[in-house]
């Protein structure tokens, strides 16, 4: 379950976000990336580096307001930060020791969806258009 649950959470995120219409979906996801970038601030596990990462994540999220690619990059940056925190032993959720590990599995699922254009899985026309543009 340690490996499956985070992937299911990522897929659940995609399903829920697919309900939001464009361009609001992309902009909302950019805001989510900004929030994820600041998620570790209160833990202080990496001291001043937390602020540097938050600044980088904020910039990438800002660029993500107009670009699914930047939103995907933001999720991958957060994945890398999750791995660093997991190795260092300062989890995202202090009382859940595997939280950074789980987040590192969940975030690439979301990033992949973003790199595919953040298409709605509920709207067949968006899905077909996204599949055609990647072929």
Protein backbone atom coordinates (compact mmCIF):
# COMPACT_ATOMS: atom_id res chain seq x y z
CA UNK A 1 0.00 0.00 0.00
CA UNK A 2 3.01 2.26 0.54
CA UNK A 3 3.48 2.45 -3.24
CA UNK A 4 -0.08 2.10 -4.51
CA UNK A 5 -1.89 4.69 -2.35
CA UNK A 6 0.20 7.69 -3.50
CA UNK A 7 -0.31 6.75 -7.15
CA UNK A 8 -4.07 6.42 -6.56
CA UNK A 9 -4.05 9.83 -4.86
CA UNK A 10 -2.34 11.30 -7.94
CA UNK A 11 -4.93 9.71 -10.22
CA UNK A 12 -7.71 10.97 -7.94
CA UNK A 13 -6.25 14.48 -8.17
CA UNK A 14 -6.35 14.23 -11.98
CA UNK A 15 -9.97 13.03 -11.91
CA UNK A 16 -11.10 15.87 -9.66
CA UNK A 17 -9.12 18.55 -11.49
CA UNK A 18 -10.56 17.31 -14.79
CA UNK A 19 -13.93 18.61 -13.63
CA UNK A 20 -12.64 22.21 -13.79
CA UNK A 21 -12.97 23.84 -17.20
CA UNK A 22 -10.08 25.46 -19.04
CA UNK A 23 -8.43 27.94 -18.68
CA UNK A 24 -9.32 27.82 -14.99
CA UNK A 25 -7.94 24.28 -14.68
CA UNK A 26 -4.43 25.31 -15.69
CA UNK A 27 -4.46 28.39 -13.48
CA UNK A 28 -5.78 26.45 -10.49
CA UNK A 29 -3.03 23.88 -10.98
CA UNK A 30 -0.43 26.64 -11.09
CA UNK A 31 -1.74 27.84 -7.73
CA UNK A 32 -1.54 24.26 -6.41
CA UNK A 33 2.11 24.06 -7.50
CA UNK A 34 2.83 27.29 -5.65
CA UNK A 35 1.19 25.87 -2.53
CA UNK A 36 3.12 22.62 -2.83
CA UNK A 37 6.30 24.65 -3.16
CA UNK A 38 5.65 26.25 0.21
CA UNK A 39 4.47 23.07 1.94
CA UNK A 40 7.75 22.40 3.73
CA UNK A 41 8.31 25.94 5.03
CA UNK A 42 6.92 25.35 8.50
CA UNK A 43 9.02 22.21 9.06
CA UNK A 44 12.34 23.94 8.49
CA UNK A 45 14.06 20.67 7.67
CA UNK A 46 16.46 22.30 5.21
CA UNK A 47 16.82 25.69 6.88
CA UNK A 48 17.25 28.59 4.43
CA UNK A 49 17.07 26.28 1.44
CA UNK A 50 13.32 26.03 2.08
CA UNK A 51 12.99 29.72 1.17
CA UNK A 52 15.13 29.33 -1.95
CA UNK A 53 13.01 26.39 -3.10
CA UNK A 54 9.79 28.29 -2.37
CA UNK A 55 11.04 31.23 -4.47
CA UNK A 56 11.87 28.88 -7.36
CA UNK A 57 8.52 27.10 -7.07
CA UNK A 58 6.71 30.45 -7.01
CA UNK A 59 8.45 31.54 -10.22
CA UNK A 60 7.66 28.25 -11.95
CA UNK A 61 4.04 28.44 -10.74
CA UNK A 62 3.74 31.99 -12.07
CA UNK A 63 4.96 30.80 -15.47
CA UNK A 64 2.50 27.93 -15.12
CA UNK A 65 -0.42 30.34 -15.18
CA UNK A 66 0.00 30.28 -18.97
CA UNK A 67 1.81 26.98 -19.54
CA UNK A 68 1.00 23.37 -18.69
CA UNK A 69 4.67 22.56 -19.23
CA UNK A 70 5.68 24.86 -16.37
CA UNK A 71 3.00 23.35 -14.14
CA UNK A 72 4.45 19.91 -14.90
CA UNK A 73 7.97 21.17 -14.19
CA UNK A 74 6.71 22.54 -10.88
CA UNK A 75 5.37 19.12 -9.87
CA UNK A 76 8.67 17.48 -10.82
CA UNK A 77 10.62 20.07 -8.81
CA UNK A 78 8.39 19.27 -5.86
CA UNK A 79 9.07 15.57 -6.42
CA UNK A 80 12.81 16.22 -6.15
CA UNK A 81 12.25 18.25 -2.96
CA UNK A 82 10.16 15.39 -1.55
CA UNK A 83 13.03 12.96 -2.20
CA UNK A 84 15.51 15.26 -0.45
CA UNK A 85 13.20 15.56 2.54
CA UNK A 86 12.60 11.81 2.64
CA UNK A 87 16.35 11.13 2.66
CA UNK A 88 17.00 13.85 5.26
CA UNK A 89 14.23 12.49 7.47
CA UNK A 90 12.08 15.61 7.67
CA UNK A 91 8.68 14.47 6.36
CA UNK A 92 6.06 16.76 4.90
CA UNK A 93 3.57 15.71 7.59
CA UNK A 94 5.52 15.37 10.85
CA UNK A 95 3.33 12.59 12.30
CA UNK A 96 3.33 10.59 9.04
CA UNK A 97 6.92 9.54 8.39
CA UNK A 98 6.26 8.27 4.83
CA UNK A 99 4.51 11.46 3.71
CA UNK A 100 7.46 12.82 1.69
CA UNK A 101 8.02 9.42 0.12
CA UNK A 102 4.34 9.19 -0.81
CA UNK A 103 4.35 12.71 -2.20
CA UNK A 104 7.39 11.80 -4.32
CA UNK A 105 5.31 9.03 -5.93
CA UNK A 106 2.12 11.06 -6.29
CA UNK A 107 3.59 14.20 -7.85
CA UNK A 108 5.04 12.60 -11.02
CA UNK A 109 1.60 11.19 -11.83
CA UNK A 110 0.24 14.73 -11.76
CA UNK A 111 3.26 16.04 -13.70
CA UNK A 112 2.72 13.49 -16.47
CA UNK A 113 -0.89 14.62 -16.82
CA UNK A 114 0.29 18.24 -16.99
CA UNK A 115 2.86 17.42 -19.69
CA UNK A 116 0.00 15.84 -21.67
CA UNK A 117 -1.76 19.21 -21.57
CA UNK A 118 -3.86 18.74 -18.44
CA UNK A 119 -6.72 17.44 -20.52
CA UNK A 120 -10.02 16.55 -18.91
CA UNK A 121 -10.43 12.82 -18.63
CA UNK A 122 -14.19 13.41 -18.50
CA UNK A 123 -14.45 15.31 -21.80
CA UNK A 124 -13.82 13.04 -24.78
CA UNK A 125 -13.18 15.98 -27.14
CA UNK A 126 -10.35 17.33 -24.94
CA UNK A 127 -8.90 13.87 -24.49
CA UNK A 128 -8.87 13.13 -28.23
CA UNK A 129 -7.33 16.54 -28.98
CA UNK A 130 -4.56 15.99 -26.42
CA UNK A 131 -3.82 12.48 -27.70
CA UNK A 132 -3.62 13.73 -31.29
CA UNK A 133 -1.25 16.58 -30.38
CA UNK A 134 1.20 14.19 -28.67
CA UNK A 135 1.34 11.73 -31.58
